[in-house]
Amino acid sequence: MEAAETAKETSAHRQALAARLKFAKQYKDLTTEEWDDFLFSDEYPKYLFQQPNPNSDIVWGSQESQVPPAYQVKKRSKWIIWGGMTSRGLTGLHFIPQGQTLTAEYYINNILEKEVKLLLHRKNVNEAIDKRKLFSSNRHMTFVKDGAPAHAAKATQAWCKRNLPNFREKTSRPPNSPDINPVENLWSIMDEFVYKDPTPKTVKDLKRRLKQAWKNIPLFTLHDLSHTSCCNGYRM
């Protein structure tokens, strides 16, 4: 039984590596200017009490005793947020209503229609960081998302094909690869502001802090994340 499980895990690991290698080869020759038109997006839960991000938070230590414990609190209040970035700026920050499941229907009607599609109407590069033009031209926009069920649903794929230029099929991105999406690092960067003293005490406070943190992300941070995380990370 254990041998079969090990063989299965080995096979899955090889398939994942093969998918990442194929992906890297596909994008390795893109220029910096082409990367600037990639819109990276994702959802992430933000709790009333800070929780480490396993995808990007790292603690260095020479031995286990130097690593502080990450305490967990059951049934904590939270907001699930959606956001996106290019090297030029940000989308709006979308708050998924508490108790709402991220279904394909909700994703299409409230995020793709009301957040992503409207980005194509932005014209001014001198607006606030979450209001400015994000693409060199609309026809060069490339929308990147992970393989979450709401993202990968047939209805979502069909909507993206109809409405977004340069849409990449769900099979074009390797699974379980949060490290190739720079917005994952953005969530952790926001924490320094969101959870600074005095820490938020209510979900209303948390929402206000998240909005402020989003609007105050420096442009150079987006530039560095987009170019360093992607241009280097996609070249394996």
C-alpha atoms as a PDB file:
ATOM      1  CA  MET A   1       0.000   0.000   0.000  1.00  0.00           C
ATOM      2  CA  GLU A   2       2.770   2.449   0.977  1.00  0.00           C
ATOM      3  CA  ALA A   3       4.757   1.561  -2.145  1.00  0.00           C
ATOM      4  CA  ALA A   4       1.725   2.300  -4.328  1.00  0.00           C
ATOM      5  CA  GLU A   5       1.170   5.651  -2.627  1.00  0.00           C
ATOM      6  CA  THR A   6       4.845   6.548  -3.024  1.00  0.00           C
ATOM      7  CA  ALA A   7       4.761   5.657  -6.720  1.00  0.00           C
ATOM      8  CA  LYS A   8       1.622   7.757  -7.161  1.00  0.00           C
ATOM      9  CA  GLU A   9       3.223  10.752  -5.433  1.00  0.00           C
ATOM     10  CA  THR A  10       6.395  10.355  -7.518  1.00  0.00           C
ATOM     11  CA  SER A  11       4.362  10.257 -10.720  1.00  0.00           C
ATOM     12  CA  ALA A  12       2.382  13.363  -9.708  1.00  0.00           C
ATOM     13  CA  HIS A  13       5.624  15.159  -8.838  1.00  0.00           C
ATOM     14  CA  ARG A  14       7.122  14.342 -12.224  1.00  0.00           C
ATOM     15  CA  GLN A  15       3.987  15.532 -13.995  1.00  0.00           C
ATOM     16  CA  ALA A  16       4.069  18.791 -12.032  1.00  0.00           C
ATOM     17  CA  LEU A  17       7.732  19.355 -12.924  1.00  0.00           C
ATOM     18  CA  ALA A  18       7.011  18.624 -16.571  1.00  0.00           C
ATOM     19  CA  ALA A  19       4.131  21.113 -16.551  1.00  0.00           C
ATOM     20  CA  ARG A  20       6.310  23.817 -14.971  1.00  0.00           C
ATOM     21  CA  LEU A  21       9.106  23.204 -17.477  1.00  0.00           C
ATOM     22  CA  LYS A  22       6.673  23.441 -20.397  1.00  0.00           C
ATOM     23  CA  PHE A  23       5.246  26.622 -18.938  1.00  0.00           C
ATOM     24  CA  ALA A  24       8.696  28.177 -18.440  1.00  0.00           C
ATOM     25  CA  LYS A  25       9.728  27.371 -22.022  1.00  0.00           C
ATOM     26  CA  GLN A  26       6.536  28.960 -23.308  1.00  0.00           C
ATOM     27  CA  TYR A  27       7.221  32.288 -21.586  1.00  0.00           C
ATOM     28  CA  LYS A  28      11.018  32.461 -21.328  1.00  0.00           C
ATOM     29  CA  ASP A  29      11.472  34.785 -24.305  1.00  0.00           C
ATOM     30  CA  LEU A  30       8.961  37.450 -23.290  1.00  0.00           C
ATOM     31  CA  THR A  31      10.342  40.966 -22.962  1.00  0.00           C
ATOM     32  CA  THR A  32       9.936  43.155 -19.888  1.00  0.00           C
ATOM     33  CA  GLU A  33       7.450  45.272 -21.829  1.00  0.00           C
ATOM     34  CA  GLU A  34       5.340  42.191 -22.566  1.00  0.00           C
ATOM     35  CA  TRP A  35       5.358  41.176 -18.880  1.00  0.00           C
ATOM     36  CA  ASP A  36       4.076  44.659 -18.046  1.00  0.00           C
ATOM     37  CA  ASP A  37       0.757  43.744 -19.693  1.00  0.00           C
ATOM     38  CA  PHE A  38       0.199  40.632 -17.534  1.00  0.00           C
ATOM     39  CA  LEU A  39      -2.597  41.039 -14.984  1.00  0.00           C
ATOM     40  CA  PHE A  40      -1.977  38.702 -12.043  1.00  0.00           C
ATOM     41  CA  SER A  41      -4.953  38.078  -9.750  1.00  0.00           C
ATOM     42  CA  ASP A  42      -6.131  35.889  -6.908  1.00  0.00           C
ATOM     43  CA  GLU A  43      -8.297  35.648  -3.807  1.00  0.00           C
ATOM     44  CA  TYR A  44      -6.966  35.443  -0.277  1.00  0.00           C
ATOM     45  CA  PRO A  45      -8.482  35.289   3.238  1.00  0.00           C
ATOM     46  CA  LYS A  46      -7.519  38.064   5.635  1.00  0.00           C
ATOM     47  CA  TYR A  47      -8.334  37.297   9.260  1.00  0.00           C
ATOM     48  CA  LEU A  48      -9.098  39.661  12.090  1.00  0.00           C
ATOM     49  CA  PHE A  49      -6.066  38.141  13.814  1.00  0.00           C
ATOM     50  CA  GLN A  50      -3.003  37.804  11.603  1.00  0.00           C
ATOM     51  CA  GLN A  51      -2.238  34.388  10.157  1.00  0.00           C
ATOM     52  CA  PRO A  52       1.021  33.441   8.387  1.00  0.00           C
ATOM     53  CA  ASN A  53       0.864  33.050   4.622  1.00  0.00           C
ATOM     54  CA  PRO A  54       2.308  29.569   3.894  1.00  0.00           C
ATOM     55  CA  ASN A  55       3.008  30.547   0.290  1.00  0.00           C
ATOM     56  CA  SER A  56       5.306  33.489   0.999  1.00  0.00           C
ATOM     57  CA  ASP A  57       6.092  33.925   4.718  1.00  0.00           C
ATOM     58  CA  ILE A  58       9.516  32.495   5.601  1.00  0.00           C
ATOM     59  CA  VAL A  59      11.314  32.292   8.932  1.00  0.00           C
ATOM     60  CA  TRP A  60      15.048  31.553   8.896  1.00  0.00           C
ATOM     61  CA  GLY A  61      16.737  29.683  11.721  1.00  0.00           C
ATOM     62  CA  SER A  62      19.641  27.304  12.232  1.00  0.00           C
ATOM     63  CA  GLN A  63      17.508  25.037  14.396  1.00  0.00           C
ATOM     64  CA  GLU A  64      13.837  24.299  14.990  1.00  0.00           C
ATOM     65  CA  SER A  65      13.755  26.065  18.366  1.00  0.00           C
ATOM     66  CA  GLN A  66      14.425  29.394  16.631  1.00  0.00           C
ATOM     67  CA  VAL A  67      11.220  29.171  14.602  1.00  0.00           C
ATOM     68  CA  PRO A  68       8.320  30.809  16.470  1.00  0.00           C
ATOM     69  CA  PRO A  69       5.022  28.880  16.650  1.00  0.00           C
ATOM     70  CA  ALA A  70       2.152  29.941  14.383  1.00  0.00           C
ATOM     71  CA  TYR A  71      -0.886  29.860  16.651  1.00  0.00           C
ATOM     72  CA  GLN A  72      -4.298  29.088  15.192  1.00  0.00           C
ATOM     73  CA  VAL A  73      -7.650  30.431  16.390  1.00  0.00           C
ATOM     74  CA  LYS A  74     -10.788  28.523  15.464  1.00  0.00           C
ATOM     75  CA  LYS A  75     -13.699  30.281  13.761  1.00  0.00           C
ATOM     76  CA  ARG A  76     -11.944  33.609  13.330  1.00  0.00           C
ATOM     77  CA  SER A  77     -13.684  36.484  11.591  1.00  0.00           C
ATOM     78  CA  LYS A  78     -12.259  37.230   8.175  1.00  0.00           C
ATOM     79  CA  TRP A  79     -12.674  38.854   4.789  1.00  0.00           C
ATOM     80  CA  ILE A  80     -11.932  37.001   1.581  1.00  0.00           C
ATOM     81  CA  ILE A  81     -10.533  39.553  -0.825  1.00  0.00           C
ATOM     82  CA  TRP A  82      -9.816  39.510  -4.546  1.00  0.00           C
ATOM     83  CA  GLY A  83      -7.313  41.755  -6.227  1.00  0.00           C
ATOM     84  CA  GLY A  84      -5.025  41.999  -9.206  1.00  0.00           C
ATOM     85  CA  MET A  85      -1.836  43.782 -10.242  1.00  0.00           C
ATOM     86  CA  THR A  86       0.355  44.646 -13.162  1.00  0.00           C
ATOM     87  CA  SER A  87       3.673  46.451 -12.951  1.00  0.00           C
ATOM     88  CA  ARG A  88       1.746  49.678 -13.663  1.00  0.00           C
ATOM     89  CA  GLY A  89      -0.917  49.554 -10.970  1.00  0.00           C
ATOM     90  CA  LEU A  90      -3.740  47.725  -9.223  1.00  0.00           C
ATOM     91  CA  THR A  91      -7.293  46.622  -9.789  1.00  0.00           C
ATOM     92  CA  GLY A  92      -9.902  47.573  -7.248  1.00  0.00           C
ATOM     93  CA  LEU A  93      -9.911  45.468  -4.073  1.00  0.00           C
ATOM     94  CA  HIS A  94     -13.022  43.290  -4.030  1.00  0.00           C
ATOM     95  CA  PHE A  95     -14.519  42.015  -0.773  1.00  0.00           C
ATOM     96  CA  ILE A  96     -16.466  38.780  -1.110  1.00  0.00           C
ATOM     97  CA  PRO A  97     -19.480  38.987   1.234  1.00  0.00           C
ATOM     98  CA  GLN A  98     -19.108  36.962   4.401  1.00  0.00           C
ATOM     99  CA  GLY A  99     -20.809  33.607   4.010  1.00  0.00           C
ATOM    100  CA  GLN A 100     -20.656  33.811   0.204  1.00  0.00           C
ATOM    101  CA  THR A 101     -19.067  30.844  -1.553  1.00  0.00           C
ATOM    102  CA  LEU A 102     -16.865  31.706  -4.512  1.00  0.00           C
ATOM    103  CA  THR A 103     -18.870  30.002  -7.234  1.00  0.00           C
ATOM    104  CA  ALA A 104     -18.330  30.429 -10.956  1.00  0.00           C
ATOM    105  CA  GLU A 105     -21.545  32.466 -11.129  1.00  0.00           C
ATOM    106  CA  TYR A 106     -20.377  34.865  -8.416  1.00  0.00           C
ATOM    107  CA  TYR A 107     -16.899  35.102  -9.930  1.00  0.00           C
ATOM    108  CA  ILE A 108     -18.261  35.974 -13.375  1.00  0.00           C
ATOM    109  CA  ASN A 109     -20.984  38.412 -12.278  1.00  0.00           C
ATOM    110  CA  ASN A 110     -19.140  40.247  -9.515  1.00  0.00           C
ATOM    111  CA  ILE A 111     -15.420  39.986 -10.260  1.00  0.00           C
ATOM    112  CA  LEU A 112     -14.970  39.452 -13.989  1.00  0.00           C
ATOM    113  CA  GLU A 113     -17.849  41.718 -15.056  1.00  0.00           C
ATOM    114  CA  LYS A 114     -17.489  44.434 -12.401  1.00  0.00           C
ATOM    115  CA  GLU A 115     -13.753  44.430 -11.746  1.00  0.00           C
ATOM    116  CA  VAL A 116     -11.736  42.883 -14.594  1.00  0.00           C
ATOM    117  CA  LYS A 117     -13.773  43.963 -17.611  1.00  0.00           C
ATOM    118  CA  LEU A 118     -13.887  47.573 -16.454  1.00  0.00           C
ATOM    119  CA  LEU A 119     -10.085  47.715 -16.448  1.00  0.00           C
ATOM    120  CA  LEU A 120     -10.239  47.919 -20.247  1.00  0.00           C
ATOM    121  CA  HIS A 121     -11.931  51.325 -19.920  1.00  0.00           C
ATOM    122  CA  ARG A 122      -9.157  52.953 -17.905  1.00  0.00           C
ATOM    123  CA  LYS A 123      -7.401  55.656 -19.919  1.00  0.00           C
ATOM    124  CA  ASN A 124      -5.200  57.759 -17.622  1.00  0.00           C
ATOM    125  CA  VAL A 125      -1.776  56.613 -16.381  1.00  0.00           C
ATOM    126  CA  ASN A 126      -1.659  59.427 -13.807  1.00  0.00           C
ATOM    127  CA  GLU A 127      -4.647  58.363 -11.707  1.00  0.00           C
ATOM    128  CA  ALA A 128      -4.415  56.764  -8.248  1.00  0.00           C
ATOM    129  CA  ILE A 129      -2.661  53.404  -8.190  1.00  0.00           C
ATOM    130  CA  ASP A 130      -5.975  51.482  -8.117  1.00  0.00           C
ATOM    131  CA  LYS A 131      -7.615  53.668 -10.797  1.00  0.00           C
ATOM    132  CA  ARG A 132      -4.940  54.116 -13.454  1.00  0.00           C
ATOM    133  CA  LYS A 133      -4.502  52.529 -16.872  1.00  0.00           C
ATOM    134  CA  LEU A 134      -2.838  49.125 -16.497  1.00  0.00           C
ATOM    135  CA  PHE A 135      -1.998  48.045 -20.050  1.00  0.00           C
ATOM    136  CA  SER A 136       0.001  49.482 -22.933  1.00  0.00           C
ATOM    137  CA  SER A 137      -3.087  48.731 -25.044  1.00  0.00           C
ATOM    138  CA  ASN A 138      -6.164  46.611 -24.361  1.00  0.00           C
ATOM    139  CA  ARG A 139      -5.262  44.102 -27.036  1.00  0.00           C
ATOM    140  CA  HIS A 140      -2.044  43.277 -25.161  1.00  0.00           C
ATOM    141  CA  MET A 141      -3.748  42.500 -21.833  1.00  0.00           C
ATOM    142  CA  THR A 142      -3.032  38.978 -20.549  1.00  0.00           C
ATOM    143  CA  PHE A 143      -5.158  37.823 -17.614  1.00  0.00           C
ATOM    144  CA  VAL A 144      -3.566  35.321 -15.202  1.00  0.00           C
ATOM    145  CA  LYS A 145      -5.462  33.339 -12.570  1.00  0.00           C
ATOM    146  CA  ASP A 146      -4.972  30.012 -10.831  1.00  0.00           C
ATOM    147  CA  GLY A 147      -6.890  26.770 -11.221  1.00  0.00           C
ATOM    148  CA  ALA A 148      -9.450  27.278  -8.440  1.00  0.00           C
ATOM    149  CA  PRO A 149     -12.824  25.665  -9.302  1.00  0.00           C
ATOM    150  CA  ALA A 150     -14.561  29.009  -9.914  1.00  0.00           C
ATOM    151  CA  HIS A 151     -11.692  30.066 -12.212  1.00  0.00           C
ATOM    152  CA  ALA A 152     -11.510  26.816 -14.135  1.00  0.00           C
ATOM    153  CA  ALA A 153     -15.257  26.315 -14.626  1.00  0.00           C
ATOM    154  CA  LYS A 154     -16.475  26.035 -18.213  1.00  0.00           C
ATOM    155  CA  ALA A 155     -18.689  29.098 -17.822  1.00  0.00           C
ATOM    156  CA  THR A 156     -15.726  31.139 -16.598  1.00  0.00           C
ATOM    157  CA  GLN A 157     -13.498  29.955 -19.421  1.00  0.00           C
ATOM    158  CA  ALA A 158     -16.204  30.806 -21.958  1.00  0.00           C
ATOM    159  CA  TRP A 159     -16.674  34.305 -20.511  1.00  0.00           C
ATOM    160  CA  CYS A 160     -12.949  34.991 -20.610  1.00  0.00           C
ATOM    161  CA  LYS A 161     -12.705  33.850 -24.228  1.00  0.00           C
ATOM    162  CA  ARG A 162     -15.516  36.212 -25.220  1.00  0.00           C
ATOM    163  CA  ASN A 163     -14.386  39.248 -23.277  1.00  0.00           C
ATOM    164  CA  LEU A 164     -10.630  39.251 -22.690  1.00  0.00           C
ATOM    165  CA  PRO A 165      -7.787  39.511 -25.217  1.00  0.00           C
ATOM    166  CA  ASN A 166      -4.877  37.061 -25.006  1.00  0.00           C
ATOM    167  CA  PHE A 167      -6.837  34.765 -22.693  1.00  0.00           C
ATOM    168  CA  ARG A 168      -4.795  31.738 -21.614  1.00  0.00           C
ATOM    169  CA  GLU A 169      -6.593  28.418 -21.207  1.00  0.00           C
ATOM    170  CA  LYS A 170      -6.595  26.872 -17.749  1.00  0.00           C
ATOM    171  CA  THR A 171      -4.317  24.093 -19.025  1.00  0.00           C
ATOM    172  CA  SER A 172      -1.603  26.626 -19.927  1.00  0.00           C
ATOM    173  CA  ARG A 173      -0.702  27.210 -16.262  1.00  0.00           C
ATOM    174  CA  PRO A 174       0.900  24.490 -14.100  1.00  0.00           C
ATOM    175  CA  PRO A 175      -1.189  23.416 -11.089  1.00  0.00           C
ATOM    176  CA  ASN A 176      -0.252  24.151  -7.472  1.00  0.00           C
ATOM    177  CA  SER A 177       2.211  26.907  -8.397  1.00  0.00           C
ATOM    178  CA  PRO A 178       1.476  29.974  -6.246  1.00  0.00           C
ATOM    179  CA  ASP A 179       5.134  30.974  -6.511  1.00  0.00           C
ATOM    180  CA  ILE A 180       4.658  32.111 -10.115  1.00  0.00           C
ATOM    181  CA  ASN A 181       1.915  34.555  -9.171  1.00  0.00           C
ATOM    182  CA  PRO A 182       3.460  37.740  -7.678  1.00  0.00           C
ATOM    183  CA  VAL A 183       0.145  38.836  -6.160  1.00  0.00           C
ATOM    184  CA  GLU A 184       0.738  36.139  -3.523  1.00  0.00           C
ATOM    185  CA  ASN A 185       3.627  38.250  -2.219  1.00  0.00           C
ATOM    186  CA  LEU A 186       1.436  41.322  -2.233  1.00  0.00           C
ATOM    187  CA  TRP A 187      -0.889  39.828   0.384  1.00  0.00           C
ATOM    188  CA  SER A 188       2.020  39.440   2.810  1.00  0.00           C
ATOM    189  CA  ILE A 189       3.357  42.931   2.080  1.00  0.00           C
ATOM    190  CA  MET A 190      -0.032  44.385   3.018  1.00  0.00           C
ATOM    191  CA  ASP A 191       0.116  42.741   6.447  1.00  0.00           C
ATOM    192  CA  GLU A 192       2.729  45.187   7.730  1.00  0.00           C
ATOM    193  CA  PHE A 193       0.163  47.965   7.461  1.00  0.00           C
ATOM    194  CA  VAL A 194      -3.012  45.979   8.170  1.00  0.00           C
ATOM    195  CA  TYR A 195      -1.838  44.476  11.459  1.00  0.00           C
ATOM    196  CA  LYS A 196       0.347  47.272  12.830  1.00  0.00           C
ATOM    197  CA  ASP A 197      -0.437  48.593  16.323  1.00  0.00           C
ATOM    198  CA  PRO A 198      -3.144  49.179  17.220  1.00  0.00           C
ATOM    199  CA  THR A 199      -4.347  46.010  15.512  1.00  0.00           C
ATOM    200  CA  PRO A 200      -7.893  45.981  14.081  1.00  0.00           C
ATOM    201  CA  LYS A 201     -10.488  44.950  16.635  1.00  0.00           C
ATOM    202  CA  THR A 202     -13.540  44.405  14.409  1.00  0.00           C
ATOM    203  CA  VAL A 203     -14.194  43.193  10.859  1.00  0.00           C
ATOM    204  CA  LYS A 204     -15.163  46.779  10.012  1.00  0.00           C
ATOM    205  CA  ASP A 205     -11.731  47.935  11.194  1.00  0.00           C
ATOM    206  CA  LEU A 206     -10.098  45.134   9.221  1.00  0.00           C
ATOM    207  CA  LYS A 207     -11.908  46.117   6.033  1.00  0.00           C
ATOM    208  CA  ARG A 208     -10.862  49.744   6.448  1.00  0.00           C
ATOM    209  CA  ARG A 209      -7.232  48.735   7.012  1.00  0.00           C
ATOM    210  CA  LEU A 210      -7.246  46.463   3.958  1.00  0.00           C
ATOM    211  CA  LYS A 211      -8.585  49.243   1.751  1.00  0.00           C
ATOM    212  CA  GLN A 212      -5.953  51.664   3.028  1.00  0.00           C
ATOM    213  CA  ALA A 213      -3.130  49.154   2.639  1.00  0.00           C
ATOM    214  CA  TRP A 214      -4.194  48.399  -0.942  1.00  0.00           C
ATOM    215  CA  LYS A 215      -4.305  52.040  -1.976  1.00  0.00           C
ATOM    216  CA  ASN A 216      -0.904  52.743  -0.379  1.00  0.00           C
ATOM    217  CA  ILE A 217       1.107  49.999  -2.086  1.00  0.00           C
ATOM    218  CA  PRO A 218       4.064  51.769  -3.769  1.00  0.00           C
ATOM    219  CA  LEU A 219       4.354  51.577  -7.536  1.00  0.00           C
ATOM    220  CA  PHE A 220       7.978  50.406  -7.267  1.00  0.00           C
ATOM    221  CA  THR A 221       6.763  47.395  -5.262  1.00  0.00           C
ATOM    222  CA  LEU A 222       4.482  46.326  -8.116  1.00  0.00           C
ATOM    223  CA  HIS A 223       7.274  46.907 -10.610  1.00  0.00           C
ATOM    224  CA  ASP A 224       9.742  44.806  -8.620  1.00  0.00           C
ATOM    225  CA  LEU A 225       7.270  41.986  -7.938  1.00  0.00           C
ATOM    226  CA  SER A 226       6.130  41.794 -11.533  1.00  0.00           C
ATOM    227  CA  HIS A 227       9.609  41.758 -13.004  1.00  0.00           C
ATOM    228  CA  THR A 228      11.488  39.771 -10.375  1.00  0.00           C
ATOM    229  CA  SER A 229       8.867  37.149  -9.481  1.00  0.00           C
ATOM    230  CA  CYS A 230       7.748  36.608 -13.039  1.00  0.00           C
ATOM    231  CA  CYS A 231      10.586  37.288 -15.410  1.00  0.00           C
ATOM    232  CA  ASN A 232      12.987  35.240 -13.289  1.00  0.00           C
ATOM    233  CA  GLY A 233      10.522  32.744 -11.873  1.00  0.00           C
ATOM    234  CA  TYR A 234       9.152  31.778 -15.260  1.00  0.00           C
ATOM    235  CA  ARG A 235      12.665  31.055 -16.518  1.00  0.00           C
ATOM    236  CA  MET A 236      13.436  27.760 -14.864  1.00  0.00           C
END
